[in-house]
C-alpha atoms as a PDB file:
ATOM      1  CA  MET A   1       0.000   0.000   0.000  1.00  0.00           C
ATOM      2  CA  PRO A   2       1.492   3.386  -0.967  1.00  0.00           C
ATOM      3  CA  ILE A   3       2.429   5.734   1.858  1.00  0.00           C
ATOM      4  CA  ASP A   4       0.746   9.128   1.644  1.00  0.00           C
ATOM      5  CA  ASP A   5       2.387  12.316   2.872  1.00  0.00           C
ATOM      6  CA  PHE A   6       0.238  12.403   6.023  1.00  0.00           C
ATOM      7  CA  THR A   7       1.369   8.989   7.241  1.00  0.00           C
ATOM      8  CA  ARG A   8       4.897   8.950   5.806  1.00  0.00           C
ATOM      9  CA  PRO A   9       7.378   8.291   8.645  1.00  0.00           C
ATOM     10  CA  THR A  10      10.369  10.591   8.970  1.00  0.00           C
ATOM     11  CA  ALA A  11      13.935   9.581   9.760  1.00  0.00           C
ATOM     12  CA  ILE A  12      16.942  11.763  10.432  1.00  0.00           C
ATOM     13  CA  VAL A  13      20.139  10.033   9.327  1.00  0.00           C
ATOM     14  CA  THR A  14      23.468  11.608  10.221  1.00  0.00           C
ATOM     15  CA  GLY A  15      26.452  10.778   8.061  1.00  0.00           C
ATOM     16  CA  SER A  16      24.038  10.386   5.154  1.00  0.00           C
ATOM     17  CA  ALA A  17      26.656  10.756   2.406  1.00  0.00           C
ATOM     18  CA  GLY A  18      28.951   8.267   4.105  1.00  0.00           C
ATOM     19  CA  PHE A  19      29.459   4.654   3.107  1.00  0.00           C
ATOM     20  CA  ILE A  20      26.916   3.135   5.500  1.00  0.00           C
ATOM     21  CA  GLY A  21      24.683   6.201   5.727  1.00  0.00           C
ATOM     22  CA  SER A  22      23.984   6.378   2.004  1.00  0.00           C
ATOM     23  CA  PHE A  23      22.876   2.728   1.952  1.00  0.00           C
ATOM     24  CA  VAL A  24      20.653   3.255   5.003  1.00  0.00           C
ATOM     25  CA  CYS A  25      19.031   6.318   3.436  1.00  0.00           C
ATOM     26  CA  THR A  26      18.409   4.488   0.171  1.00  0.00           C
ATOM     27  CA  THR A  27      16.758   1.582   1.980  1.00  0.00           C
ATOM     28  CA  LEU A  28      14.406   3.862   3.899  1.00  0.00           C
ATOM     29  CA  LEU A  29      13.576   6.013   0.868  1.00  0.00           C
ATOM     30  CA  LYS A  30      12.712   2.947  -1.205  1.00  0.00           C
ATOM     31  CA  GLU A  31      10.314   1.903   1.557  1.00  0.00           C
ATOM     32  CA  GLY A  32       8.553   5.268   1.343  1.00  0.00           C
ATOM     33  CA  TRP A  33      10.119   7.055   4.307  1.00  0.00           C
ATOM     34  CA  ARG A  34      10.908  10.747   4.322  1.00  0.00           C
ATOM     35  CA  VAL A  35      14.607  11.084   5.102  1.00  0.00           C
ATOM     36  CA  VAL A  36      16.530  14.112   6.327  1.00  0.00           C
ATOM     37  CA  GLY A  37      20.216  13.483   5.685  1.00  0.00           C
ATOM     38  CA  LEU A  38      22.866  15.411   7.614  1.00  0.00           C
ATOM     39  CA  ASP A  39      26.465  15.330   6.396  1.00  0.00           C
ATOM     40  CA  CYS A  40      29.251  17.911   6.538  1.00  0.00           C
ATOM     41  CA  MET A  41      30.987  16.409   3.466  1.00  0.00           C
ATOM     42  CA  SER A  42      34.281  16.205   5.356  1.00  0.00           C
ATOM     43  CA  ASP A  43      37.466  16.025   3.272  1.00  0.00           C
ATOM     44  CA  TYR A  44      38.873  13.177   5.415  1.00  0.00           C
ATOM     45  CA  TYR A  45      38.671  11.259   2.146  1.00  0.00           C
ATOM     46  CA  ASP A  46      37.697  12.129  -1.445  1.00  0.00           C
ATOM     47  CA  VAL A  47      34.631  14.370  -1.301  1.00  0.00           C
ATOM     48  CA  ALA A  48      33.752  13.406  -4.890  1.00  0.00           C
ATOM     49  CA  LEU A  49      32.860   9.919  -3.673  1.00  0.00           C
ATOM     50  CA  LYS A  50      30.508  11.386  -1.083  1.00  0.00           C
ATOM     51  CA  GLU A  51      28.994  13.675  -3.681  1.00  0.00           C
ATOM     52  CA  GLN A  52      28.256  10.713  -5.942  1.00  0.00           C
ATOM     53  CA  ARG A  53      26.610   8.817  -3.080  1.00  0.00           C
ATOM     54  CA  GLU A  54      24.480  11.835  -2.223  1.00  0.00           C
ATOM     55  CA  LYS A  55      23.553  12.446  -5.858  1.00  0.00           C
ATOM     56  CA  SER A  56      21.679   9.138  -5.902  1.00  0.00           C
ATOM     57  CA  LEU A  57      19.760  10.181  -2.772  1.00  0.00           C
ATOM     58  CA  THR A  58      18.659  13.548  -4.127  1.00  0.00           C
ATOM     59  CA  ASN A  59      16.851  11.734  -6.939  1.00  0.00           C
ATOM     60  CA  PHE A  60      14.255  10.723  -4.351  1.00  0.00           C
ATOM     61  CA  GLU A  61      11.389  13.172  -3.870  1.00  0.00           C
ATOM     62  CA  HIS A  62      11.266  12.771  -0.106  1.00  0.00           C
ATOM     63  CA  TYR A  63      14.950  13.344   0.659  1.00  0.00           C
ATOM     64  CA  ARG A  64      16.209  16.529   2.305  1.00  0.00           C
ATOM     65  CA  SER A  65      19.943  17.203   2.422  1.00  0.00           C
ATOM     66  CA  VAL A  66      21.598  19.299   5.140  1.00  0.00           C
ATOM     67  CA  HIS A  67      25.328  20.097   4.898  1.00  0.00           C
ATOM     68  CA  GLU A  68      26.525  20.922   8.399  1.00  0.00           C
ATOM     69  CA  LYS A  69      28.755  19.438  11.072  1.00  0.00           C
ATOM     70  CA  VAL A  70      26.907  17.262  13.533  1.00  0.00           C
ATOM     71  CA  GLU A  71      28.671  19.019  16.417  1.00  0.00           C
ATOM     72  CA  THR A  72      27.363  22.465  15.401  1.00  0.00           C
ATOM     73  CA  SER A  73      25.748  23.880  18.524  1.00  0.00           C
ATOM     74  CA  GLY A  74      21.940  23.815  18.336  1.00  0.00           C
ATOM     75  CA  LEU A  75      21.777  22.482  14.775  1.00  0.00           C
ATOM     76  CA  LEU A  76      20.274  19.103  15.647  1.00  0.00           C
ATOM     77  CA  LEU A  77      17.923  20.716  18.147  1.00  0.00           C
ATOM     78  CA  ARG A  78      16.530  22.864  15.333  1.00  0.00           C
ATOM     79  CA  LEU A  79      16.287  19.922  12.953  1.00  0.00           C
ATOM     80  CA  PHE A  80      14.437  17.795  15.506  1.00  0.00           C
ATOM     81  CA  LYS A  81      12.059  20.668  16.218  1.00  0.00           C
ATOM     82  CA  GLU A  82      11.338  21.162  12.499  1.00  0.00           C
ATOM     83  CA  GLU A  83      11.083  17.528  11.498  1.00  0.00           C
ATOM     84  CA  LYS A  84       9.782  15.716  14.611  1.00  0.00           C
ATOM     85  CA  PRO A  85      11.494  12.509  13.461  1.00  0.00           C
ATOM     86  CA  ASP A  86       9.993   9.120  14.206  1.00  0.00           C
ATOM     87  CA  VAL A  87      13.428   7.517  14.076  1.00  0.00           C
ATOM     88  CA  VAL A  88      16.992   8.841  14.257  1.00  0.00           C
ATOM     89  CA  ILE A  89      19.959   6.844  12.965  1.00  0.00           C
ATOM     90  CA  HIS A  90      23.223   8.441  14.054  1.00  0.00           C
ATOM     91  CA  LEU A  91      26.068   7.304  11.793  1.00  0.00           C
ATOM     92  CA  ALA A  92      28.113  10.515  11.540  1.00  0.00           C
ATOM     93  CA  ALA A  93      31.535  10.099  13.100  1.00  0.00           C
ATOM     94  CA  GLN A  94      35.202  10.655  12.531  1.00  0.00           C
ATOM     95  CA  ALA A  95      36.630   7.230  11.770  1.00  0.00           C
ATOM     96  CA  GLY A  96      40.123   5.774  11.583  1.00  0.00           C
ATOM     97  CA  VAL A  97      42.153   4.130  14.340  1.00  0.00           C
ATOM     98  CA  ARG A  98      45.497   5.485  13.127  1.00  0.00           C
ATOM     99  CA  TYR A  99      44.102   8.931  12.285  1.00  0.00           C
ATOM    100  CA  SER A 100      42.893   9.243  15.883  1.00  0.00           C
ATOM    101  CA  ILE A 101      46.515   9.146  17.032  1.00  0.00           C
ATOM    102  CA  THR A 102      47.552  12.132  14.900  1.00  0.00           C
ATOM    103  CA  ASN A 103      44.327  14.159  15.024  1.00  0.00           C
ATOM    104  CA  PRO A 104      42.394  13.317  18.209  1.00  0.00           C
ATOM    105  CA  ARG A 105      40.585  16.677  18.278  1.00  0.00           C
ATOM    106  CA  ALA A 106      38.515  15.634  15.235  1.00  0.00           C
ATOM    107  CA  PHE A 107      37.267  12.608  17.191  1.00  0.00           C
ATOM    108  CA  LEU A 108      36.454  14.656  20.266  1.00  0.00           C
ATOM    109  CA  ASP A 109      34.457  17.157  18.218  1.00  0.00           C
ATOM    110  CA  SER A 110      32.606  14.853  15.826  1.00  0.00           C
ATOM    111  CA  ASN A 111      32.115  11.750  17.942  1.00  0.00           C
ATOM    112  CA  ILE A 112      31.691  13.033  21.480  1.00  0.00           C
ATOM    113  CA  VAL A 113      30.409  16.594  21.051  1.00  0.00           C
ATOM    114  CA  GLY A 114      28.329  15.561  18.028  1.00  0.00           C
ATOM    115  CA  THR A 115      26.666  12.777  19.970  1.00  0.00           C
ATOM    116  CA  PHE A 116      26.010  15.136  22.872  1.00  0.00           C
ATOM    117  CA  GLU A 117      24.208  17.510  20.497  1.00  0.00           C
ATOM    118  CA  LEU A 118      22.118  14.627  19.175  1.00  0.00           C
ATOM    119  CA  LEU A 119      21.205  13.386  22.648  1.00  0.00           C
ATOM    120  CA  GLU A 120      20.151  16.874  23.718  1.00  0.00           C
ATOM    121  CA  ALA A 121      17.898  17.081  20.659  1.00  0.00           C
ATOM    122  CA  ALA A 122      16.402  13.654  21.426  1.00  0.00           C
ATOM    123  CA  ARG A 123      15.793  14.797  24.996  1.00  0.00           C
ATOM    124  CA  ALA A 124      13.853  17.840  23.781  1.00  0.00           C
ATOM    125  CA  TYR A 125      11.961  16.111  20.936  1.00  0.00           C
ATOM    126  CA  PRO A 126      12.033  12.363  21.647  1.00  0.00           C
ATOM    127  CA  PRO A 127      11.880  10.077  18.586  1.00  0.00           C
ATOM    128  CA  ARG A 128      10.203   6.695  18.816  1.00  0.00           C
ATOM    129  CA  HIS A 129      13.640   5.084  18.533  1.00  0.00           C
ATOM    130  CA  THR A 130      17.166   6.496  18.465  1.00  0.00           C
ATOM    131  CA  LEU A 131      19.889   4.275  17.001  1.00  0.00           C
ATOM    132  CA  LEU A 132      23.618   5.050  17.278  1.00  0.00           C
ATOM    133  CA  ALA A 133      26.607   3.497  15.524  1.00  0.00           C
ATOM    134  CA  SER A 134      29.530   2.208  17.560  1.00  0.00           C
ATOM    135  CA  THR A 135      32.324  -0.193  16.719  1.00  0.00           C
ATOM    136  CA  SER A 136      33.889  -3.535  17.545  1.00  0.00           C
ATOM    137  CA  SER A 137      36.949  -1.520  18.578  1.00  0.00           C
ATOM    138  CA  THR A 138      35.205  -0.786  21.880  1.00  0.00           C
ATOM    139  CA  TYR A 139      36.009  -4.363  22.955  1.00  0.00           C
ATOM    140  CA  GLY A 140      39.632  -3.222  23.008  1.00  0.00           C
ATOM    141  CA  ALA A 141      42.086  -5.533  24.710  1.00  0.00           C
ATOM    142  CA  ASN A 142      39.536  -8.309  25.278  1.00  0.00           C
ATOM    143  CA  ASP A 143      41.020 -11.605  24.097  1.00  0.00           C
ATOM    144  CA  LYS A 144      37.911 -13.671  24.820  1.00  0.00           C
ATOM    145  CA  MET A 145      36.174 -14.261  21.502  1.00  0.00           C
ATOM    146  CA  PRO A 146      33.701 -14.188  19.950  1.00  0.00           C
ATOM    147  CA  TYR A 147      32.818 -10.818  21.442  1.00  0.00           C
ATOM    148  CA  ARG A 148      29.437 -10.758  23.158  1.00  0.00           C
ATOM    149  CA  GLU A 149      27.569  -7.535  23.983  1.00  0.00           C
ATOM    150  CA  THR A 150      27.512  -8.400  27.687  1.00  0.00           C
ATOM    151  CA  ASP A 151      31.317  -8.767  27.854  1.00  0.00           C
ATOM    152  CA  ARG A 152      33.235  -6.019  29.623  1.00  0.00           C
ATOM    153  CA  SER A 153      34.681  -3.388  27.332  1.00  0.00           C
ATOM    154  CA  ASP A 154      36.862  -1.262  29.553  1.00  0.00           C
ATOM    155  CA  HIS A 155      40.266  -1.221  27.861  1.00  0.00           C
ATOM    156  CA  GLN A 156      40.047   0.603  24.552  1.00  0.00           C
ATOM    157  CA  MET A 157      43.318   0.699  22.598  1.00  0.00           C
ATOM    158  CA  SER A 158      42.842   3.831  20.502  1.00  0.00           C
ATOM    159  CA  PHE A 159      41.302   7.247  20.995  1.00  0.00           C
ATOM    160  CA  TYR A 160      38.848   6.373  18.212  1.00  0.00           C
ATOM    161  CA  ALA A 161      37.613   3.395  20.233  1.00  0.00           C
ATOM    162  CA  ALA A 162      37.594   5.453  23.435  1.00  0.00           C
ATOM    163  CA  SER A 163      35.491   8.161  21.768  1.00  0.00           C
ATOM    164  CA  LYS A 164      32.929   5.597  20.600  1.00  0.00           C
ATOM    165  CA  LYS A 165      32.789   3.906  24.013  1.00  0.00           C
ATOM    166  CA  SER A 166      32.224   7.358  25.500  1.00  0.00           C
ATOM    167  CA  THR A 167      29.223   7.896  23.233  1.00  0.00           C
ATOM    168  CA  GLU A 168      27.767   4.581  24.389  1.00  0.00           C
ATOM    169  CA  SER A 169      28.037   5.645  28.025  1.00  0.00           C
ATOM    170  CA  MET A 170      26.599   9.079  27.278  1.00  0.00           C
ATOM    171  CA  ALA A 171      23.666   7.527  25.433  1.00  0.00           C
ATOM    172  CA  HIS A 172      22.948   5.152  28.300  1.00  0.00           C
ATOM    173  CA  SER A 173      22.783   8.005  30.784  1.00  0.00           C
ATOM    174  CA  TYR A 174      20.303   9.933  28.603  1.00  0.00           C
ATOM    175  CA  SER A 175      18.253   6.795  28.057  1.00  0.00           C
ATOM    176  CA  HIS A 176      18.047   6.271  31.830  1.00  0.00           C
ATOM    177  CA  LEU A 177      17.433   9.878  32.825  1.00  0.00           C
ATOM    178  CA  PHE A 178      14.932  10.796  30.112  1.00  0.00           C
ATOM    179  CA  ASP A 179      13.432   7.425  29.133  1.00  0.00           C
ATOM    180  CA  ILE A 180      14.746   7.614  25.538  1.00  0.00           C
ATOM    181  CA  PRO A 181      14.727   4.232  23.729  1.00  0.00           C
ATOM    182  CA  ILE A 182      18.239   3.780  22.324  1.00  0.00           C
ATOM    183  CA  THR A 183      19.932   0.970  20.415  1.00  0.00           C
ATOM    184  CA  ILE A 184      23.703   0.948  19.933  1.00  0.00           C
ATOM    185  CA  PHE A 185      25.170  -0.948  16.968  1.00  0.00           C
ATOM    186  CA  ARG A 186      28.682  -2.325  17.221  1.00  0.00           C
ATOM    187  CA  PHE A 187      29.896  -2.766  13.639  1.00  0.00           C
ATOM    188  CA  PHE A 188      32.533  -5.288  12.567  1.00  0.00           C
ATOM    189  CA  THR A 189      34.750  -4.317   9.571  1.00  0.00           C
ATOM    190  CA  VAL A 190      32.115  -3.273   7.060  1.00  0.00           C
ATOM    191  CA  TYR A 191      33.043  -3.587   3.387  1.00  0.00           C
ATOM    192  CA  GLY A 192      31.453  -3.529  -0.057  1.00  0.00           C
ATOM    193  CA  PRO A 193      30.730  -1.265  -3.053  1.00  0.00           C
ATOM    194  CA  TRP A 194      31.034   2.492  -2.378  1.00  0.00           C
ATOM    195  CA  GLY A 195      33.310   1.710   0.578  1.00  0.00           C
ATOM    196  CA  ARG A 196      35.757   4.153   2.158  1.00  0.00           C
ATOM    197  CA  PRO A 197      39.150   4.739   0.485  1.00  0.00           C
ATOM    198  CA  ASP A 198      40.944   4.465   3.845  1.00  0.00           C
ATOM    199  CA  MET A 199      39.752   0.884   4.391  1.00  0.00           C
ATOM    200  CA  ALA A 200      41.913  -2.135   3.545  1.00  0.00           C
ATOM    201  CA  LEU A 201      39.733  -3.474   0.724  1.00  0.00           C
ATOM    202  CA  PHE A 202      39.809  -0.186  -1.183  1.00  0.00           C
ATOM    203  CA  LYS A 203      43.539   0.372  -0.645  1.00  0.00           C
ATOM    204  CA  PHE A 204      44.460  -3.224  -1.502  1.00  0.00           C
ATOM    205  CA  THR A 205      42.321  -3.274  -4.653  1.00  0.00           C
ATOM    206  CA  GLN A 206      43.784   0.003  -5.867  1.00  0.00           C
ATOM    207  CA  ALA A 207      47.362  -1.095  -5.186  1.00  0.00           C
ATOM    208  CA  ILE A 208      46.977  -4.553  -6.737  1.00  0.00           C
ATOM    209  CA  LEU A 209      45.427  -3.135  -9.910  1.00  0.00           C
ATOM    210  CA  GLU A 210      48.237  -0.565 -10.157  1.00  0.00           C
ATOM    211  CA  GLY A 211      50.974  -3.107  -9.443  1.00  0.00           C
ATOM    212  CA  VAL A 212      51.997  -1.394  -6.202  1.00  0.00           C
ATOM    213  CA  PRO A 213      52.972  -3.366  -3.047  1.00  0.00           C
ATOM    214  CA  ILE A 214      50.371  -3.520  -0.264  1.00  0.00           C
ATOM    215  CA  ASP A 215      51.187  -2.848   3.390  1.00  0.00           C
ATOM    216  CA  VAL A 216      50.155  -5.888   5.435  1.00  0.00           C
ATOM    217  CA  TYR A 217      50.271  -5.207   9.173  1.00  0.00           C
ATOM    218  CA  ASN A 218      51.205  -7.582  11.997  1.00  0.00           C
ATOM    219  CA  ASN A 219      53.181  -9.496   9.362  1.00  0.00           C
ATOM    220  CA  GLY A 220      49.912 -10.804   7.966  1.00  0.00           C
ATOM    221  CA  ARG A 221      48.709 -12.397  11.203  1.00  0.00           C
ATOM    222  CA  MET A 222      45.427 -10.487  11.291  1.00  0.00           C
ATOM    223  CA  GLN A 223      41.828 -11.697  11.422  1.00  0.00           C
ATOM    224  CA  ARG A 224      38.700  -9.645  10.842  1.00  0.00           C
ATOM    225  CA  ASP A 225      34.984 -10.385  10.981  1.00  0.00           C
ATOM    226  CA  PHE A 226      34.213  -8.861   7.572  1.00  0.00           C
ATOM    227  CA  THR A 227      30.574  -7.736   7.283  1.00  0.00           C
ATOM    228  CA  TYR A 228      29.063  -7.024   3.873  1.00  0.00           C
ATOM    229  CA  ILE A 229      27.361  -3.647   3.555  1.00  0.00           C
ATOM    230  CA  GLU A 230      23.969  -4.959   2.392  1.00  0.00           C
ATOM    231  CA  ASP A 231      23.850  -7.440   5.286  1.00  0.00           C
ATOM    232  CA  LEU A 232      24.694  -4.684   7.746  1.00  0.00           C
ATOM    233  CA  VAL A 233      22.056  -2.293   6.422  1.00  0.00           C
ATOM    234  CA  HIS A 234      19.389  -4.995   6.401  1.00  0.00           C
ATOM    235  CA  ALA A 235      20.197  -5.688  10.059  1.00  0.00           C
ATOM    236  CA  ILE A 236      19.949  -1.973  10.888  1.00  0.00           C
ATOM    237  CA  ARG A 237      16.595  -1.733   9.159  1.00  0.00           C
ATOM    238  CA  LEU A 238      15.232  -4.681  11.123  1.00  0.00           C
ATOM    239  CA  LEU A 239      16.505  -3.239  14.406  1.00  0.00           C
ATOM    240  CA  VAL A 240      14.710   0.055  13.726  1.00  0.00           C
ATOM    241  CA  ASP A 241      11.509  -1.825  14.563  1.00  0.00           C
ATOM    242  CA  VAL A 242      12.919  -3.500  17.694  1.00  0.00           C
ATOM    243  CA  THR A 243      12.536  -0.719  20.233  1.00  0.00           C
ATOM    244  CA  PRO A 244      14.145  -1.407  23.628  1.00  0.00           C
ATOM    245  CA  GLU A 245      11.690  -1.493  26.520  1.00  0.00           C
ATOM    246  CA  HIS A 246      12.269  -1.067  30.231  1.00  0.00           C
ATOM    247  CA  PRO A 247      11.492  -3.148  32.114  1.00  0.00           C
ATOM    248  CA  ASN A 248      12.198  -5.915  29.617  1.00  0.00           C
ATOM    249  CA  GLN A 249       8.821  -7.164  28.350  1.00  0.00           C
ATOM    250  CA  ASN A 250      10.226  -9.708  25.883  1.00  0.00           C
ATOM    251  CA  PRO A 251      13.468 -11.107  27.277  1.00  0.00           C
ATOM    252  CA  VAL A 252      15.727 -13.073  24.932  1.00  0.00           C
ATOM    253  CA  GLU A 253      18.800 -15.109  25.743  1.00  0.00           C
ATOM    254  CA  THR A 254      21.996 -13.087  26.312  1.00  0.00           C
ATOM    255  CA  ASP A 255      20.106  -9.799  25.976  1.00  0.00           C
ATOM    256  CA  SER A 256      22.200  -6.698  26.628  1.00  0.00           C
ATOM    257  CA  LEU A 257      19.187  -4.592  27.631  1.00  0.00           C
ATOM    258  CA  SER A 258      20.070  -2.271  30.499  1.00  0.00           C
ATOM    259  CA  PRO A 259      18.484  -3.067  33.865  1.00  0.00           C
ATOM    260  CA  ILE A 260      17.721   0.640  34.376  1.00  0.00           C
ATOM    261  CA  ALA A 261      16.984   2.045  30.906  1.00  0.00           C
ATOM    262  CA  PRO A 262      15.406   1.278  27.505  1.00  0.00           C
ATOM    263  CA  PHE A 263      18.912   0.830  26.126  1.00  0.00           C
ATOM    264  CA  ARG A 264      20.493  -2.057  24.251  1.00  0.00           C
ATOM    265  CA  VAL A 265      23.809  -2.843  22.521  1.00  0.00           C
ATOM    266  CA  VAL A 266      23.774  -5.134  19.464  1.00  0.00           C
ATOM    267  CA  ASN A 267      26.688  -6.587  17.518  1.00  0.00           C
ATOM    268  CA  ILE A 268      26.331  -6.620  13.735  1.00  0.00           C
ATOM    269  CA  GLY A 269      28.943  -8.956  12.296  1.00  0.00           C
ATOM    270  CA  ASN A 270      29.328 -11.952  10.029  1.00  0.00           C
ATOM    271  CA  SER A 271      30.205 -14.224  12.994  1.00  0.00           C
ATOM    272  CA  GLY A 272      33.303 -15.682  11.373  1.00  0.00           C
ATOM    273  CA  PRO A 273      36.837 -14.192  11.439  1.00  0.00           C
ATOM    274  CA  ILE A 274      38.757 -14.359   8.159  1.00  0.00           C
ATOM    275  CA  TYR A 275      42.543 -14.317   7.914  1.00  0.00           C
ATOM    276  CA  LEU A 276      43.832 -11.319   6.020  1.00  0.00           C
ATOM    277  CA  ALA A 277      45.690 -13.658   3.641  1.00  0.00           C
ATOM    278  CA  GLU A 278      42.355 -15.210   2.605  1.00  0.00           C
ATOM    279  CA  PHE A 279      40.869 -11.761   2.071  1.00  0.00           C
ATOM    280  CA  ILE A 280      43.809 -10.712  -0.102  1.00  0.00           C
ATOM    281  CA  ALA A 281      43.518 -13.952  -2.077  1.00  0.00           C
ATOM    282  CA  ALA A 282      39.868 -13.084  -2.793  1.00  0.00           C
ATOM    283  CA  ILE A 283      40.956  -9.693  -4.160  1.00  0.00           C
ATOM    284  CA  GLU A 284      43.604 -11.397  -6.306  1.00  0.00           C
ATOM    285  CA  SER A 285      40.983 -13.765  -7.681  1.00  0.00           C
ATOM    286  CA  ALA A 286      38.560 -10.919  -8.456  1.00  0.00           C
ATOM    287  CA  THR A 287      41.213  -8.718 -10.108  1.00  0.00           C
ATOM    288  CA  GLY A 288      43.161 -11.483 -11.831  1.00  0.00           C
ATOM    289  CA  LYS A 289      46.378 -10.038 -10.405  1.00  0.00           C
ATOM    290  CA  VAL A 290      48.832 -11.150  -7.716  1.00  0.00           C
ATOM    291  CA  ALA A 291      49.570  -8.904  -4.744  1.00  0.00           C
ATOM    292  CA  GLU A 292      53.071  -8.007  -3.639  1.00  0.00           C
ATOM    293  CA  TRP A 293      53.187  -7.943   0.166  1.00  0.00           C
ATOM    294  CA  ASN A 294      55.098  -5.402   2.236  1.00  0.00           C
ATOM    295  CA  LEU A 295      55.064  -6.960   5.705  1.00  0.00           C
ATOM    296  CA  MET A 296      54.668  -4.420   8.512  1.00  0.00           C
ATOM    297  CA  PRO A 297      54.559  -4.625  12.337  1.00  0.00           C
ATOM    298  CA  MET A 298      51.341  -4.161  14.290  1.00  0.00           C
ATOM    299  CA  GLN A 299      50.221  -0.539  14.295  1.00  0.00           C
ATOM    300  CA  PRO A 300      49.577   1.350  17.562  1.00  0.00           C
ATOM    301  CA  GLY A 301      45.939   1.130  18.624  1.00  0.00           C
ATOM    302  CA  ASP A 302      45.134  -1.840  16.385  1.00  0.00           C
ATOM    303  CA  VAL A 303      44.001  -5.318  17.460  1.00  0.00           C
ATOM    304  CA  PRO A 304      45.072  -8.647  15.903  1.00  0.00           C
ATOM    305  CA  ALA A 305      41.573 -10.111  15.592  1.00  0.00           C
ATOM    306  CA  THR A 306      37.850  -9.365  15.818  1.00  0.00           C
ATOM    307  CA  TRP A 307      34.976 -11.834  15.941  1.00  0.00           C
ATOM    308  CA  ALA A 308      31.314 -11.073  16.628  1.00  0.00           C
ATOM    309  CA  ASP A 309      28.831 -13.174  18.509  1.00  0.00           C
ATOM    310  CA  ALA A 310      25.739 -12.068  16.567  1.00  0.00           C
ATOM    311  CA  SER A 311      23.284 -14.354  18.347  1.00  0.00           C
ATOM    312  CA  LEU A 312      21.479 -11.405  19.972  1.00  0.00           C
ATOM    313  CA  LEU A 313      20.839  -9.855  16.547  1.00  0.00           C
ATOM    314  CA  SER A 314      19.432 -13.184  15.391  1.00  0.00           C
ATOM    315  CA  SER A 315      17.264 -13.542  18.513  1.00  0.00           C
ATOM    316  CA  LEU A 316      15.834 -10.038  18.125  1.00  0.00           C
ATOM    317  CA  THR A 317      15.269 -10.044  14.356  1.00  0.00           C
ATOM    318  CA  GLY A 318      15.547 -13.604  13.084  1.00  0.00           C
ATOM    319  CA  TYR A 319      18.327 -12.443  10.768  1.00  0.00           C
ATOM    320  CA  LYS A 320      21.982 -13.373  10.484  1.00  0.00           C
ATOM    321  CA  PRO A 321      24.451 -11.741   8.057  1.00  0.00           C
ATOM    322  CA  GLU A 322      25.687 -14.417   5.694  1.00  0.00           C
ATOM    323  CA  THR A 323      27.199 -13.007   2.481  1.00  0.00           C
ATOM    324  CA  PRO A 324      30.378 -15.042   1.750  1.00  0.00           C
ATOM    325  CA  PHE A 325      33.395 -12.747   1.817  1.00  0.00           C
ATOM    326  CA  ARG A 326      34.610 -13.882  -1.607  1.00  0.00           C
ATOM    327  CA  GLU A 327      31.278 -12.843  -3.113  1.00  0.00           C
ATOM    328  CA  GLY A 328      31.363  -9.509  -1.302  1.00  0.00           C
ATOM    329  CA  VAL A 329      34.943  -8.822  -2.410  1.00  0.00           C
ATOM    330  CA  ALA A 330      34.093  -9.651  -6.024  1.00  0.00           C
ATOM    331  CA  ASN A 331      31.161  -7.230  -5.854  1.00  0.00           C
ATOM    332  CA  PHE A 332      33.442  -4.491  -4.564  1.00  0.00           C
ATOM    333  CA  VAL A 333      36.089  -5.055  -7.233  1.00  0.00           C
ATOM    334  CA  SER A 334      33.418  -4.924  -9.970  1.00  0.00           C
ATOM    335  CA  TRP A 335      32.102  -1.652  -8.538  1.00  0.00           C
ATOM    336  CA  TYR A 336      35.618  -0.216  -8.175  1.00  0.00           C
ATOM    337  CA  GLN A 337      36.547  -0.960 -11.769  1.00  0.00           C
ATOM    338  CA  GLU A 338      33.288   0.430 -13.119  1.00  0.00           C
ATOM    339  CA  TYR A 339      33.392   3.536 -10.906  1.00  0.00           C
ATOM    340  CA  PHE A 340      36.925   4.550 -11.826  1.00  0.00           C
ATOM    341  CA  GLU A 341      36.556   3.637 -15.482  1.00  0.00           C
ATOM    342  CA  THR A 342      33.484   5.879 -15.628  1.00  0.00           C
ATOM    343  CA  ASP A 343      35.394   8.602 -13.772  1.00  0.00           C
ATOM    344  CA  LYS A 344      38.309   8.261 -16.204  1.00  0.00           C
ATOM    345  CA  GLN A 345      36.022   8.497 -19.228  1.00  0.00           C
ATOM    346  CA  ALA A 346      34.328  11.583 -17.772  1.00  0.00           C
ATOM    347  CA  GLY A 347      37.712  13.235 -17.316  1.00  0.00           C
ATOM    348  CA  GLU A 348      38.791  12.448 -20.856  1.00  0.00           C
ATOM    349  CA  SER A 349      35.629  13.963 -22.280  1.00  0.00           C
ATOM    350  CA  ASN A 350      36.183  17.316 -20.521  1.00  0.00           C
END
């Protein structure tokens, strides 16, 4: 049944021109939602990529684009007042473990101050459900795997991880004090078409195609729980409709629901760590080229392995991410080659 303008739900999505944000916006818009996308179009990586993602969103009639920093004082308060969103999905953040060592102020401003501004807006104009992105990096020095949401996460190893753990704690306090239903996502190494240029898959694909050696950290002894973008976004969409309740009316096994707030943490991962060598081999297969490795030591702030226990996600939604990593890598390489060939042709025609 078509959604008319009087019943059309509204979502505010921060980080809307980002890798994950653009997919989330597209999913909601295709369902008939009205989406207000907030993105400052940061130059942390190529803005042209963000502009192309956003261009596809502006083709939708019910998409509104706002170009501002999430930490801008009072901005989100005004947006919430104007839009009265049913749902808020907060994906805007400064990312990058190594970048957080050289430029921690960006993480303080975007991640911590930005989340504070969002929580203040949710306090004043409460949505039905507020959902915030976090990261597997919050598990820090934990060596007990797979990571479960109820495990302690007290020893973050980078300022990036510390900033995201801080936002989780801030959100919990607002959820408790002001009865705001909040779900935190902890993402595990998201990859796929339109992915970020600072991520391993993008950098490796580019280097292999250009015949340039790739930097492989920890001498190749790395494992990651690679999560395909479409799986991740489907999980987010399902969780939008799973609003935390306090007290817990529908308890599930290993639930992370707070005992004092309508607040829950949920892992979104593929539930299977992959050795970096296997991941590189998948890129080689998709490109038809062999990588030249430049073995490097472990980088400060990094962890040797991640592995999600995604049983809570499955219990809450009935869904489990399952795209095989070789398929996901092949999809990325196809996108990469098409995107840059199109970009090259456009440049030659000018």
